[in-house]
Protein backbone atom coordinates (compact mmCIF):
# COMPACT_ATOMS: atom_id res chain seq x y z
CA MET A 1 -17.31 22.52 -6.27
CA SER A 2 -13.92 21.09 -7.20
CA TYR A 3 -12.43 18.20 -6.73
CA THR A 4 -8.91 16.54 -5.97
CA LYS A 5 -8.06 13.33 -6.94
CA ILE A 6 -6.22 10.67 -5.22
CA SER A 7 -2.66 10.83 -6.14
CA VAL A 8 -0.59 7.53 -6.26
CA VAL A 9 3.30 7.34 -7.24
CA ILE A 10 4.53 3.55 -8.61
CA PHE A 11 8.01 2.67 -8.39
CA GLY A 12 9.43 -0.70 -9.30
CA ASN A 13 12.17 -2.19 -11.48
CA THR A 14 9.64 -4.03 -13.60
CA GLU A 15 7.30 -2.23 -16.31
CA SER A 16 4.63 -4.84 -16.53
CA LEU A 17 4.14 -5.02 -12.80
CA LYS A 18 3.56 -1.46 -12.43
CA LYS A 19 1.15 -1.12 -15.46
CA ALA A 20 -0.54 -4.34 -13.97
CA LEU A 21 -1.15 -2.77 -10.93
CA ILE A 22 -2.05 0.87 -12.06
CA THR A 23 -4.62 -1.32 -14.44
CA ASN A 24 -6.45 -2.79 -11.66
CA ILE A 25 -6.53 0.42 -9.84
CA LEU A 26 -8.10 2.31 -12.49
CA GLY A 27 -10.26 -0.90 -13.23
CA LYS A 28 -9.27 -0.29 -17.14
CA ASP A 29 -7.01 -0.97 -20.27
CA LEU A 30 -4.32 1.86 -20.11
CA SER A 31 -4.19 2.02 -23.72
CA VAL A 32 -7.66 3.65 -24.05
CA LEU A 33 -7.07 6.14 -20.70
CA PRO A 34 -5.60 9.57 -21.08
CA MET A 35 -1.73 9.61 -20.42
CA ARG A 36 0.48 12.52 -20.14
CA LYS A 37 4.18 12.83 -19.43
CA ILE A 38 5.22 15.26 -17.01
CA LEU A 39 9.28 14.37 -17.48
CA LYS A 40 10.72 12.15 -20.22
CA ASN A 41 10.27 8.84 -18.86
CA THR A 42 7.41 9.38 -16.15
CA GLU A 43 3.91 8.87 -17.00
CA ILE A 44 0.61 9.80 -15.49
CA TYR A 45 -2.66 7.88 -15.94
CA GLU A 46 -5.79 8.88 -14.69
CA ASN A 47 -9.56 8.65 -14.04
CA TYR A 48 -12.07 10.93 -11.94
CA THR A 49 -10.87 9.12 -8.85
CA TYR A 50 -7.09 8.57 -9.28
CA GLU A 51 -4.05 10.33 -10.68
CA ILE A 52 -1.44 7.58 -10.77
CA THR A 53 2.33 8.30 -11.54
CA CYS A 54 4.19 5.61 -12.95
CA THR A 55 8.00 6.39 -12.65
CA PRO A 56 10.77 4.72 -14.67
CA ASP A 57 12.77 1.39 -13.96
CA PHE A 58 15.44 2.27 -11.70
CA ASP A 59 18.17 1.70 -14.46
CA ILE A 60 17.07 5.01 -15.82
CA PHE A 61 15.78 6.30 -12.66
CA CYS A 62 17.86 9.86 -12.04
CA ASP A 63 17.82 12.84 -9.89
CA ASP A 64 15.00 14.82 -11.79
CA MET A 65 12.72 12.89 -9.80
CA LYS A 66 12.94 15.54 -7.29
CA GLU A 67 11.57 17.87 -10.08
CA LEU A 68 8.60 15.21 -10.10
CA PHE A 69 8.12 15.69 -6.44
CA SER A 70 8.32 19.46 -6.59
CA LYS A 71 5.26 19.17 -8.79
CA ASN A 72 3.60 16.20 -6.73
CA SER A 73 4.77 16.90 -3.15
CA HIS A 74 1.23 15.90 -1.37
CA SER A 75 0.89 12.25 -2.94
CA ASP A 76 -1.45 10.06 -1.10
CA MET A 77 0.54 6.93 -1.30
CA CYS A 78 3.94 6.08 -2.72
CA LEU A 79 4.14 2.43 -3.66
CA LEU A 80 6.88 0.15 -4.47
CA VAL A 81 6.16 -2.92 -6.67
CA VAL A 82 8.68 -5.87 -6.24
CA GLU A 83 8.86 -9.17 -7.98
CA ASP A 84 8.17 -12.62 -6.41
CA GLY A 85 11.22 -13.92 -4.50
CA PHE A 86 12.48 -10.32 -3.70
CA SER A 87 15.64 -9.45 -1.42
CA PRO A 88 14.38 -7.71 1.60
CA GLU A 89 17.82 -5.97 1.67
CA ASN A 90 18.00 -4.98 -1.63
CA VAL A 91 14.60 -3.43 -1.38
CA GLY A 92 15.57 -1.88 1.62
CA LYS A 93 18.15 -0.40 -0.13
CA GLN A 94 16.06 0.70 -3.07
CA ILE A 95 13.82 2.67 -0.68
CA ASP A 96 16.78 4.36 1.01
CA ASP A 97 17.80 5.42 -2.46
CA LEU A 98 14.43 6.76 -3.19
CA SER A 99 14.20 8.70 -0.03
CA LYS A 100 17.41 10.23 -1.17
CA LYS A 101 16.18 11.25 -4.65
CA THR A 102 12.61 12.25 -3.34
CA GLY A 103 13.56 13.95 -0.39
CA LYS A 104 10.57 12.02 0.93
CA PRO A 105 11.15 9.66 4.31
CA ARG A 106 11.13 5.98 4.35
CA GLU A 107 8.06 5.55 5.68
CA GLU A 108 6.41 7.31 3.00
CA PHE A 109 6.86 4.27 0.84
CA THR A 110 5.06 1.14 0.99
CA VAL A 111 5.94 -1.97 -0.72
CA VAL A 112 3.31 -3.81 -2.66
CA LEU A 113 3.98 -7.45 -1.56
CA PRO A 114 3.36 -10.07 -4.43
CA LEU A 115 0.38 -12.58 -4.26
CA THR A 116 0.92 -15.18 -1.44
CA TYR A 117 3.23 -12.65 0.54
CA GLU A 118 1.78 -12.23 3.94
CA PRO A 119 3.29 -9.32 5.91
CA SER A 120 6.44 -9.59 7.85
CA ASP A 121 9.03 -7.98 10.15
CA TYR A 122 10.52 -6.13 7.04
CA CYS A 123 12.67 -3.32 7.45
CA PHE A 124 10.09 -1.04 5.62
CA LYS A 125 6.38 -0.74 5.34
CA SER A 126 4.53 -3.29 3.24
CA CYS A 127 0.81 -4.67 2.84
CA PRO A 128 -0.56 -7.27 0.66
CA ILE A 129 -2.04 -6.15 -2.86
CA GLN A 130 -5.75 -7.02 -1.80
CA GLN A 131 -5.04 -5.04 1.39
CA LEU A 132 -3.88 -1.85 -0.98
CA PHE A 133 -6.86 -1.99 -2.82
CA SER A 134 -9.01 -1.99 0.36
CA GLU A 135 -7.08 1.33 1.65
CA LEU A 136 -7.46 2.71 -1.64
CA ASP A 137 -11.52 2.19 -1.61
CA LYS A 138 -11.41 3.50 1.91
CA LEU A 139 -9.54 6.48 1.01
CA ALA A 140 -11.88 7.22 -2.03
CA LYS A 141 -14.89 6.75 -0.08
CA HIS A 142 -13.89 8.97 2.98
CA ARG A 143 -13.20 12.01 0.83
CA GLN A 144 -15.66 14.45 0.54
CA PRO A 145 -16.29 17.60 -2.02
CA GLN A 146 -14.94 21.04 -0.77
CA SER A 147 -15.73 24.40 -2.15
CA THR A 148 -13.31 25.81 -4.56
CA ASP A 149 -10.36 27.52 -2.43
CA ASN A 150 -7.79 28.96 -5.07
CA SER A 151 -5.10 29.29 -2.10
CA SER A 152 -5.20 25.50 -2.25
CA GLY A 153 -6.44 24.37 -5.51
CA HIS A 154 -7.83 21.29 -3.75
CA GLY A 155 -11.37 19.57 -3.63
CA LEU A 156 -12.06 16.38 -2.95
CA GLN A 157 -13.71 13.73 -4.98
CA THR A 158 -15.60 10.44 -4.60
CA MET A 159 -17.27 8.21 -7.16
CA SER A 160 -20.82 9.10 -5.87
CA ASN A 161 -19.94 12.98 -6.20
CA MET A 162 -18.34 12.94 -9.41
CA PRO A 163 -19.38 15.47 -12.05
CA LYS A 164 -21.61 13.82 -14.56
CA THR A 165 -21.26 16.29 -17.36
CA GLY A 166 -18.53 18.08 -19.32
CA GLY A 167 -15.02 16.83 -20.47
CA SER A 168 -14.42 13.40 -22.01
CA HIS A 169 -13.17 12.21 -18.39
CA GLY A 170 -17.02 12.64 -17.22
CA LYS A 171 -18.31 11.00 -20.08
CA ASP A 172 -16.19 7.93 -19.80
CA SER A 173 -16.87 7.51 -15.95
CA PHE A 174 -20.95 7.63 -17.04
CA THR A 175 -21.09 5.73 -20.02
CA ASP A 176 -18.75 3.08 -19.82
CA PRO A 177 -20.58 -0.41 -19.58
CA LYS A 178 -18.14 -2.15 -17.09
CA LYS A 179 -18.16 1.13 -14.82
CA CYS A 180 -22.20 1.51 -14.93
CA LEU A 181 -22.64 -2.33 -14.16
CA LYS A 182 -20.08 -2.27 -11.20
CA ARG A 183 -22.16 1.06 -9.87
CA LYS A 184 -25.36 -1.24 -10.33
CA HIS A 185 -23.81 -4.43 -8.56
CA THR A 186 -22.46 -2.53 -5.70
CA GLY A 187 -22.83 -4.23 -2.40
CA THR A 188 -23.77 -7.45 -4.39
CA THR A 189 -22.53 -10.84 -3.13
CA VAL A 190 -21.64 -13.13 -6.03
CA ASN A 191 -20.33 -16.78 -5.89
CA LEU A 192 -17.57 -18.09 -8.08
CA VAL A 193 -17.32 -22.05 -8.48
CA LEU A 194 -14.31 -23.14 -9.41
CA LEU A 195 -14.66 -26.35 -11.23
CA GLY A 196 -12.27 -28.53 -12.95
CA MET A 197 -10.30 -31.65 -13.43
CA ALA A 198 -7.78 -32.16 -10.80
CA GLY A 199 -4.45 -30.32 -11.40
CA THR A 200 -5.58 -28.10 -13.44
CA GLY A 201 -5.03 -25.18 -11.14
CA LYS A 202 -8.14 -24.38 -9.26
CA SER A 203 -7.13 -23.42 -6.09
CA ALA A 204 -4.05 -21.64 -7.31
CA SER A 205 -6.28 -19.56 -9.40
CA GLY A 206 -8.52 -18.94 -6.61
CA ASN A 207 -5.87 -17.74 -4.44
CA THR A 208 -4.95 -15.45 -7.24
CA ILE A 209 -8.68 -13.85 -7.53
CA LEU A 210 -8.60 -13.59 -3.45
CA GLY A 211 -4.98 -11.90 -3.93
CA LYS A 212 -3.69 -14.33 -0.95
CA LYS A 213 -3.15 -17.71 -0.26
CA SER A 214 -6.60 -19.19 1.15
CA PHE A 215 -6.56 -22.47 -0.34
CA MET A 216 -3.87 -25.18 -0.23
CA SER A 217 -2.14 -25.58 -3.76
CA LYS A 218 1.05 -27.68 -4.16
CA PRO A 219 2.08 -30.12 -6.88
CA SER A 220 0.76 -33.46 -6.13
CA SER A 221 0.19 -36.82 -7.92
CA LYS A 222 -3.27 -36.97 -6.05
CA PRO A 223 -6.02 -34.26 -5.66
CA VAL A 224 -5.00 -31.57 -3.19
CA THR A 225 -8.66 -30.49 -2.66
CA THR A 226 -10.80 -33.07 -1.44
CA GLU A 227 -13.81 -31.04 0.03
CA PHE A 228 -15.49 -27.61 -0.64
CA GLN A 229 -13.61 -24.56 0.84
CA VAL A 230 -15.00 -21.07 0.63
CA ALA A 231 -13.15 -17.43 1.16
CA GLU A 232 -14.61 -14.13 0.27
CA THR A 233 -13.03 -10.78 -0.77
CA GLU A 234 -14.20 -7.36 -2.05
CA MET A 235 -13.30 -5.43 -5.54
CA ASN A 236 -14.90 -2.57 -6.67
CA ASP A 237 -17.74 -2.91 -4.33
CA LEU A 238 -18.85 -6.34 -5.41
CA ARG A 239 -18.24 -8.85 -2.67
CA VAL A 240 -16.74 -12.09 -4.46
CA ARG A 241 -17.10 -15.45 -2.23
CA VAL A 242 -14.86 -17.91 -3.98
CA ILE A 243 -15.66 -21.51 -3.82
CA ASP A 244 -12.91 -24.03 -4.49
CA SER A 245 -14.18 -27.57 -5.40
CA PRO A 246 -13.02 -31.18 -5.26
CA ASP A 247 -12.76 -32.64 -8.84
CA ILE A 248 -16.41 -33.82 -9.75
CA PHE A 249 -15.60 -34.80 -13.38
CA ASP A 250 -13.35 -38.04 -13.09
CA ASP A 251 -15.00 -40.88 -14.59
CA ASP A 252 -14.02 -42.72 -11.52
CA THR A 253 -15.94 -40.69 -9.01
CA GLU A 254 -18.56 -42.95 -7.58
CA ALA A 255 -22.20 -42.11 -8.12
CA SER A 256 -22.82 -41.39 -4.43
CA VAL A 257 -20.12 -39.25 -3.61
CA TRP A 258 -21.00 -37.43 -7.33
CA ASP A 259 -24.30 -36.60 -5.73
CA LYS A 260 -23.01 -35.25 -2.52
CA HIS A 261 -20.57 -33.13 -4.03
CA VAL A 262 -23.36 -31.55 -6.43
CA LYS A 263 -25.46 -31.27 -3.54
CA LYS A 264 -23.19 -29.18 -1.46
CA CYS A 265 -22.08 -27.05 -4.20
CA LYS A 266 -26.07 -26.23 -4.73
CA GLN A 267 -26.44 -25.66 -1.08
CA LEU A 268 -23.17 -23.26 -0.89
CA CYS A 269 -24.79 -21.21 -3.98
CA GLU A 270 -28.10 -21.34 -3.23
CA SER A 271 -28.53 -17.39 -1.59
CA GLU A 272 -26.66 -15.54 -4.13
CA PRO A 273 -25.74 -15.24 -7.61
CA CYS A 274 -23.51 -17.87 -9.19
CA VAL A 275 -20.85 -17.81 -11.80
CA TYR A 276 -19.35 -21.06 -12.76
CA VAL A 277 -15.46 -20.81 -13.49
CA LEU A 278 -14.44 -24.13 -15.31
CA VAL A 279 -10.39 -24.20 -15.00
CA MET A 280 -8.51 -25.77 -17.64
CA HIS A 281 -4.86 -26.50 -18.21
CA VAL A 282 -4.05 -24.37 -21.41
CA SER A 283 -1.55 -27.17 -22.51
CA ARG A 284 -3.59 -30.24 -21.88
CA PHE A 285 -6.91 -31.52 -22.93
CA THR A 286 -7.82 -34.87 -21.76
CA ASP A 287 -10.60 -37.52 -22.46
CA CYS A 288 -12.46 -36.92 -19.35
CA GLU A 289 -12.95 -33.22 -20.31
CA LYS A 290 -14.17 -33.59 -23.64
CA ASP A 291 -17.67 -34.28 -22.48
CA ILE A 292 -17.41 -31.81 -19.43
CA MET A 293 -20.02 -29.69 -20.46
CA GLU A 294 -22.44 -32.57 -20.48
CA LYS A 295 -21.64 -33.52 -17.20
CA LEU A 296 -22.05 -29.65 -16.19
CA GLU A 297 -25.63 -29.72 -17.67
CA LYS A 298 -26.14 -33.03 -16.15
CA ALA A 299 -25.27 -31.41 -12.43
CA PHE A 300 -26.26 -27.99 -12.51
CA GLY A 301 -28.93 -27.91 -15.47
CA ARG A 302 -29.03 -27.16 -19.18
CA GLU A 303 -28.59 -23.28 -18.52
CA VAL A 304 -25.31 -23.57 -16.70
CA LYS A 305 -23.42 -22.52 -19.93
CA GLU A 306 -25.05 -19.43 -19.77
CA LYS A 307 -23.24 -18.44 -16.49
CA THR A 308 -19.84 -20.20 -17.15
CA VAL A 309 -16.61 -18.81 -17.91
CA VAL A 310 -13.62 -20.69 -18.99
CA LEU A 311 -10.50 -19.95 -17.24
CA PHE A 312 -7.06 -21.32 -18.78
CA THR A 313 -4.02 -21.76 -16.39
CA ARG A 314 -0.46 -21.52 -17.33
CA GLY A 315 -0.62 -18.78 -19.12
CA ASP A 316 3.39 -18.93 -19.42
CA ASP A 317 3.09 -21.82 -21.52
CA LEU A 318 1.33 -19.52 -24.55
CA GLN A 319 4.19 -16.62 -23.85
CA GLN A 320 6.90 -19.20 -24.38
CA ALA A 321 5.13 -20.28 -27.58
CA LYS A 322 4.71 -16.79 -28.64
CA MET A 323 1.16 -17.15 -29.05
CA SER A 324 -1.85 -15.06 -28.00
CA LEU A 325 -4.81 -16.58 -26.47
CA LYS A 326 -6.93 -15.95 -29.32
CA ASP A 327 -3.95 -17.60 -31.59
CA PHE A 328 -4.30 -20.91 -29.02
CA LEU A 329 -8.17 -20.88 -29.28
CA HIS A 330 -8.32 -20.71 -33.31
CA SER A 331 -5.94 -23.65 -33.29
CA CYS A 332 -6.91 -25.84 -30.17
CA GLN A 333 -8.52 -29.18 -30.63
CA PRO A 334 -12.25 -28.85 -31.89
CA GLY A 335 -13.63 -30.55 -28.34
CA LEU A 336 -11.96 -27.59 -26.90
CA ARG A 337 -12.98 -25.08 -29.37
CA GLU A 338 -16.74 -26.20 -28.87
CA ILE A 339 -16.64 -25.91 -25.18
CA VAL A 340 -15.55 -22.35 -25.18
CA GLU A 341 -18.29 -21.67 -27.78
CA LYS A 342 -20.63 -23.37 -25.66
CA CYS A 343 -19.81 -20.58 -23.02
CA GLY A 344 -20.28 -17.92 -25.08
CA ASN A 345 -16.81 -17.50 -25.84
CA ARG A 346 -16.17 -16.30 -22.33
CA CYS A 347 -12.61 -17.22 -21.54
CA VAL A 348 -9.58 -15.45 -19.86
CA LEU A 349 -6.06 -16.43 -19.04
CA PHE A 350 -4.39 -16.66 -15.78
CA GLU A 351 -0.83 -17.19 -15.18
CA ASN A 352 -0.69 -17.94 -11.14
CA SER A 353 2.81 -18.06 -10.45
CA ARG A 354 2.78 -14.27 -10.72
CA LEU A 355 0.78 -10.93 -10.16
CA SER A 356 -2.21 -11.54 -12.43
CA SER A 357 -4.22 -8.36 -11.47
CA GLN A 358 -5.11 -7.68 -15.01
CA GLU A 359 -6.23 -11.10 -15.67
CA VAL A 360 -8.22 -11.07 -12.20
CA GLY A 361 -9.94 -7.54 -13.78
CA LYS A 362 -10.92 -9.33 -16.93
CA LEU A 363 -12.65 -12.16 -15.16
CA ILE A 364 -14.43 -10.05 -12.70
CA ASP A 365 -15.76 -7.53 -15.51
CA THR A 366 -16.91 -10.70 -17.42
CA VAL A 367 -18.55 -11.91 -14.23
CA ILE A 368 -20.60 -8.59 -13.80
CA ARG A 369 -21.67 -8.76 -17.20
CA LEU A 370 -23.33 -12.29 -16.61
CA LEU A 371 -24.97 -11.08 -13.41
CA GLU A 372 -27.16 -9.25 -16.16
């Protein structure tokens, strides 16, 4: 038997966005994946299911793209990644230029919309990022193995029928703990309960995880989320049920309201495994947050810390300060460091104003490990 990988070519004018998308599709840090160059500035990353070609930014994009497509004329998807606030007119021109340089019709290019964008009457084909992942999953699942045929050189492959022996790729696919856990929990629904003080970015983080704007999120001097809200998505065969919560940690919250919120949260989580996501603003640590773990334990029991991940928002604040998350945790207030340590040092950093697929992937990997 032989197998043909799903071929995806990614275009765009921002390398970080292209690499973030590739990371999310392949489900692994690109630094540990095999990479090869077929042209001076064109890289290919792959696993057993996908072969993804990352093209250079448009300022160094040249006519040798025709050579690329002469080698990859049967790509399954051609994707154009655009930034938040993109100009539809400029994107239309980019697609026209791509069509001329590659020889492929305009309709074969799909624009991957940034988070919070919905499909619209653009002059080009587009899709939200979460829809893209769904389409890729369907494509992978529907492919079936074919006998070797030297005339075509193609056979098809899905995760369920990959070879289990031979080659560094085969070893990676079946011994990587993350991939093994994902296969083990295929079809599982997990509740992600977003908890934290008002204004920390719970709703915005929920939208980032979902890949769409399901929860109301806006700057406000008073809490925007006053009741529990629920929305679902699917990632790598894991069904994720995101639960956005009101602020239950405010010291001014009445006891009756506190009891009502805790009871509601437990009801929402009673039928599925639950992971608590404690959302905190990376540039703010308040007096109310200093005893937040005690409040969590009071609400959900002493074992809650074993099922909690700390999610820091406003990642750009660290970037502007030229700090990594590790640097921040090393220099942060002792009270905050103690919270992170109580949660097993499980923490991720989000920047909700832009595509954060790599960060979402890290969060989901952490969640999957917690399911054990």
